Amino acid sequence: MDKKKLVSYIVWILLALLLFGLGGRFSRQGTGSFQTLMGYLSDCFLFPAVLEGGLGALSWIASHGSFDMLGYAFSRLANTFFHFRQEGETFYDYKMRKEEQRDGFLVQPLVVGGICLALSLLCLLLFLA
């Protein structure tokens, strides 16, 4: 793994820890049994799992061109309002230009979000046991 990817993973893990702490502020408070602690930890892990995992999943979906039609529609709308007589590009040209510019998706938040989701499910299982 190169240094740039390692730094990226560290940043996403630190963000997950920050979100873990924020999730703990809004989760139920209380000191008590092991079961209560597991429920609390499950809630805390779920917050970064949803945010980072959702961002990674949306990035993966966008990398396959699923949002190209929306981008084209908004660019045509803006072109209509600001460039009255200029002829815009066709959807095919827009799609080909976007496919040339694509460079993948955000793997790091998807992986970190998946790990947080797995930890949340583990804590949930321990809570229910």
C-alpha atoms as a PDB file:
ATOM      1  CA  MET A   1       0.000   0.000   0.000  1.00  0.00           C
ATOM      2  CA  ASP A   2       1.445   3.338  -0.948  1.00  0.00           C
ATOM      3  CA  LYS A   3       1.763   6.283   1.398  1.00  0.00           C
ATOM      4  CA  LYS A   4      -1.096   8.283  -0.127  1.00  0.00           C
ATOM      5  CA  LYS A   5      -3.618   5.466   0.413  1.00  0.00           C
ATOM      6  CA  LEU A   6      -2.366   4.906   3.947  1.00  0.00           C
ATOM      7  CA  VAL A   7      -2.819   8.578   4.808  1.00  0.00           C
ATOM      8  CA  SER A   8      -6.294   8.475   3.281  1.00  0.00           C
ATOM      9  CA  TYR A   9      -7.265   5.475   5.410  1.00  0.00           C
ATOM     10  CA  ILE A  10      -5.918   7.201   8.531  1.00  0.00           C
ATOM     11  CA  VAL A  11      -7.977  10.321   7.787  1.00  0.00           C
ATOM     12  CA  TRP A  12     -11.157   8.288   7.262  1.00  0.00           C
ATOM     13  CA  ILE A  13     -10.526   6.319  10.464  1.00  0.00           C
ATOM     14  CA  LEU A  14     -10.016   9.545  12.422  1.00  0.00           C
ATOM     15  CA  LEU A  15     -13.251  10.897  10.963  1.00  0.00           C
ATOM     16  CA  ALA A  16     -14.998   7.673  12.007  1.00  0.00           C
ATOM     17  CA  LEU A  17     -13.659   8.109  15.550  1.00  0.00           C
ATOM     18  CA  LEU A  18     -14.926  11.682  15.593  1.00  0.00           C
ATOM     19  CA  LEU A  19     -18.347  10.519  14.379  1.00  0.00           C
ATOM     20  CA  PHE A  20     -18.237   7.719  16.963  1.00  0.00           C
ATOM     21  CA  GLY A  21     -17.803  10.347  19.658  1.00  0.00           C
ATOM     22  CA  LEU A  22     -20.589  12.490  18.251  1.00  0.00           C
ATOM     23  CA  GLY A  23     -22.863   9.471  18.024  1.00  0.00           C
ATOM     24  CA  GLY A  24     -22.194   8.799  21.677  1.00  0.00           C
ATOM     25  CA  ARG A  25     -23.463  12.228  22.638  1.00  0.00           C
ATOM     26  CA  PHE A  26     -26.888  11.548  21.155  1.00  0.00           C
ATOM     27  CA  SER A  27     -27.143   7.935  22.219  1.00  0.00           C
ATOM     28  CA  ARG A  28     -28.717   6.818  25.439  1.00  0.00           C
ATOM     29  CA  GLN A  29     -26.641   7.524  28.506  1.00  0.00           C
ATOM     30  CA  GLY A  30     -26.299   5.369  31.516  1.00  0.00           C
ATOM     31  CA  THR A  31     -23.947   3.234  33.433  1.00  0.00           C
ATOM     32  CA  GLY A  32     -25.025  -0.231  34.107  1.00  0.00           C
ATOM     33  CA  SER A  33     -24.686  -3.707  32.844  1.00  0.00           C
ATOM     34  CA  PHE A  34     -22.627  -5.160  30.032  1.00  0.00           C
ATOM     35  CA  GLN A  35     -25.796  -5.336  27.966  1.00  0.00           C
ATOM     36  CA  THR A  36     -26.372  -1.589  28.307  1.00  0.00           C
ATOM     37  CA  LEU A  37     -22.773  -0.899  27.307  1.00  0.00           C
ATOM     38  CA  MET A  38     -23.121  -3.067  24.186  1.00  0.00           C
ATOM     39  CA  GLY A  39     -26.296  -1.238  23.171  1.00  0.00           C
ATOM     40  CA  TYR A  40     -24.516   2.083  23.623  1.00  0.00           C
ATOM     41  CA  LEU A  41     -21.504   0.948  21.564  1.00  0.00           C
ATOM     42  CA  SER A  42     -23.770  -0.427  18.842  1.00  0.00           C
ATOM     43  CA  ASP A  43     -25.428   2.981  18.498  1.00  0.00           C
ATOM     44  CA  CYS A  44     -22.057   4.738  18.465  1.00  0.00           C
ATOM     45  CA  PHE A  45     -20.642   2.514  15.718  1.00  0.00           C
ATOM     46  CA  LEU A  46     -23.775   2.836  13.606  1.00  0.00           C
ATOM     47  CA  PHE A  47     -23.395   6.610  13.127  1.00  0.00           C
ATOM     48  CA  PRO A  48     -20.049   6.506  11.241  1.00  0.00           C
ATOM     49  CA  ALA A  49     -21.131   3.317   9.453  1.00  0.00           C
ATOM     50  CA  VAL A  50     -24.139   5.037   7.902  1.00  0.00           C
ATOM     51  CA  LEU A  51     -22.359   8.287   7.030  1.00  0.00           C
ATOM     52  CA  GLU A  52     -19.064   6.936   5.702  1.00  0.00           C
ATOM     53  CA  GLY A  53     -20.496   3.750   4.239  1.00  0.00           C
ATOM     54  CA  GLY A  54     -23.269   5.730   2.555  1.00  0.00           C
ATOM     55  CA  LEU A  55     -20.769   8.175   1.077  1.00  0.00           C
ATOM     56  CA  GLY A  56     -18.652   5.308  -0.231  1.00  0.00           C
ATOM     57  CA  ALA A  57     -21.714   3.553  -1.682  1.00  0.00           C
ATOM     58  CA  LEU A  58     -22.893   6.729  -3.434  1.00  0.00           C
ATOM     59  CA  SER A  59     -19.394   7.221  -4.798  1.00  0.00           C
ATOM     60  CA  TRP A  60     -19.391   3.660  -6.149  1.00  0.00           C
ATOM     61  CA  ILE A  61     -22.808   4.181  -7.767  1.00  0.00           C
ATOM     62  CA  ALA A  62     -21.670   7.453  -9.334  1.00  0.00           C
ATOM     63  CA  SER A  63     -18.513   5.813 -10.696  1.00  0.00           C
ATOM     64  CA  HIS A  64     -20.711   3.619 -12.871  1.00  0.00           C
ATOM     65  CA  GLY A  65     -22.463   6.640 -14.434  1.00  0.00           C
ATOM     66  CA  SER A  66     -25.787   6.345 -12.644  1.00  0.00           C
ATOM     67  CA  PHE A  67     -26.042  10.083 -11.994  1.00  0.00           C
ATOM     68  CA  ASP A  68     -24.952  11.229 -15.464  1.00  0.00           C
ATOM     69  CA  MET A  69     -28.502  11.967 -16.583  1.00  0.00           C
ATOM     70  CA  LEU A  70     -29.062  14.290 -13.615  1.00  0.00           C
ATOM     71  CA  GLY A  71     -25.781  16.086 -14.260  1.00  0.00           C
ATOM     72  CA  TYR A  72     -26.644  16.493 -17.923  1.00  0.00           C
ATOM     73  CA  ALA A  73     -30.136  17.804 -17.103  1.00  0.00           C
ATOM     74  CA  PHE A  74     -28.772  20.422 -14.704  1.00  0.00           C
ATOM     75  CA  SER A  75     -26.040  21.488 -17.122  1.00  0.00           C
ATOM     76  CA  ARG A  76     -28.641  21.922 -19.887  1.00  0.00           C
ATOM     77  CA  LEU A  77     -30.853  23.906 -17.522  1.00  0.00           C
ATOM     78  CA  ALA A  78     -27.974  26.204 -16.571  1.00  0.00           C
ATOM     79  CA  ASN A  79     -26.986  26.481 -20.235  1.00  0.00           C
ATOM     80  CA  THR A  80     -30.541  27.578 -21.093  1.00  0.00           C
ATOM     81  CA  PHE A  81     -30.548  30.355 -18.515  1.00  0.00           C
ATOM     82  CA  PHE A  82     -27.021  31.714 -18.910  1.00  0.00           C
ATOM     83  CA  HIS A  83     -26.010  30.984 -22.509  1.00  0.00           C
ATOM     84  CA  PHE A  84     -29.129  31.759 -24.516  1.00  0.00           C
ATOM     85  CA  ARG A  85     -27.920  31.173 -28.063  1.00  0.00           C
ATOM     86  CA  GLN A  86     -25.133  28.714 -27.454  1.00  0.00           C
ATOM     87  CA  GLU A  87     -25.829  25.168 -28.626  1.00  0.00           C
ATOM     88  CA  GLY A  88     -25.181  22.608 -25.880  1.00  0.00           C
ATOM     89  CA  GLU A  89     -23.624  19.196 -26.270  1.00  0.00           C
ATOM     90  CA  THR A  90     -25.715  16.092 -26.788  1.00  0.00           C
ATOM     91  CA  PHE A  91     -26.207  13.567 -24.003  1.00  0.00           C
ATOM     92  CA  TYR A  92     -24.025  11.065 -25.840  1.00  0.00           C
ATOM     93  CA  ASP A  93     -21.140  13.565 -26.022  1.00  0.00           C
ATOM     94  CA  TYR A  94     -21.646  14.455 -22.354  1.00  0.00           C
ATOM     95  CA  LYS A  95     -21.647  10.775 -21.345  1.00  0.00           C
ATOM     96  CA  MET A  96     -18.472  10.030 -23.337  1.00  0.00           C
ATOM     97  CA  ARG A  97     -16.695  13.047 -21.826  1.00  0.00           C
ATOM     98  CA  LYS A  98     -17.682  11.964 -18.308  1.00  0.00           C
ATOM     99  CA  GLU A  99     -16.517   8.383 -18.897  1.00  0.00           C
ATOM    100  CA  GLU A 100     -13.098   9.655 -19.950  1.00  0.00           C
ATOM    101  CA  GLN A 101     -12.838  11.761 -16.778  1.00  0.00           C
ATOM    102  CA  ARG A 102     -13.825   8.997 -14.321  1.00  0.00           C
ATOM    103  CA  ASP A 103     -11.044   7.662 -12.159  1.00  0.00           C
ATOM    104  CA  GLY A 104     -12.813   5.286  -9.799  1.00  0.00           C
ATOM    105  CA  PHE A 105     -14.594   5.700  -6.504  1.00  0.00           C
ATOM    106  CA  LEU A 106     -13.822   6.333  -2.847  1.00  0.00           C
ATOM    107  CA  VAL A 107     -12.851   2.921  -1.499  1.00  0.00           C
ATOM    108  CA  GLN A 108     -11.618   4.117   1.894  1.00  0.00           C
ATOM    109  CA  PRO A 109     -14.941   5.382   3.357  1.00  0.00           C
ATOM    110  CA  LEU A 110     -16.702   2.281   2.049  1.00  0.00           C
ATOM    111  CA  VAL A 111     -14.200  -0.001   3.821  1.00  0.00           C
ATOM    112  CA  VAL A 112     -14.150   1.998   7.074  1.00  0.00           C
ATOM    113  CA  GLY A 113     -17.951   2.273   7.042  1.00  0.00           C
ATOM    114  CA  GLY A 114     -18.228  -1.478   6.485  1.00  0.00           C
ATOM    115  CA  ILE A 115     -15.924  -2.174   9.419  1.00  0.00           C
ATOM    116  CA  CYS A 116     -17.975   0.161  11.633  1.00  0.00           C
ATOM    117  CA  LEU A 117     -21.160  -1.581  10.500  1.00  0.00           C
ATOM    118  CA  ALA A 118     -19.662  -4.974  11.348  1.00  0.00           C
ATOM    119  CA  LEU A 119     -18.653  -3.717  14.807  1.00  0.00           C
ATOM    120  CA  SER A 120     -22.113  -2.254  15.311  1.00  0.00           C
ATOM    121  CA  LEU A 121     -23.748  -5.568  14.409  1.00  0.00           C
ATOM    122  CA  LEU A 122     -21.359  -7.437  16.719  1.00  0.00           C
ATOM    123  CA  CYS A 123     -22.250  -5.142  19.602  1.00  0.00           C
ATOM    124  CA  LEU A 124     -25.940  -5.535  18.745  1.00  0.00           C
ATOM    125  CA  LEU A 125     -25.626  -9.304  18.897  1.00  0.00           C
ATOM    126  CA  LEU A 126     -23.939  -9.031  22.284  1.00  0.00           C
ATOM    127  CA  PHE A 127     -26.677  -6.630  23.398  1.00  0.00           C
ATOM    128  CA  LEU A 128     -29.420  -9.045  22.394  1.00  0.00           C
ATOM    129  CA  ALA A 129     -27.674 -12.068  23.925  1.00  0.00           C
END
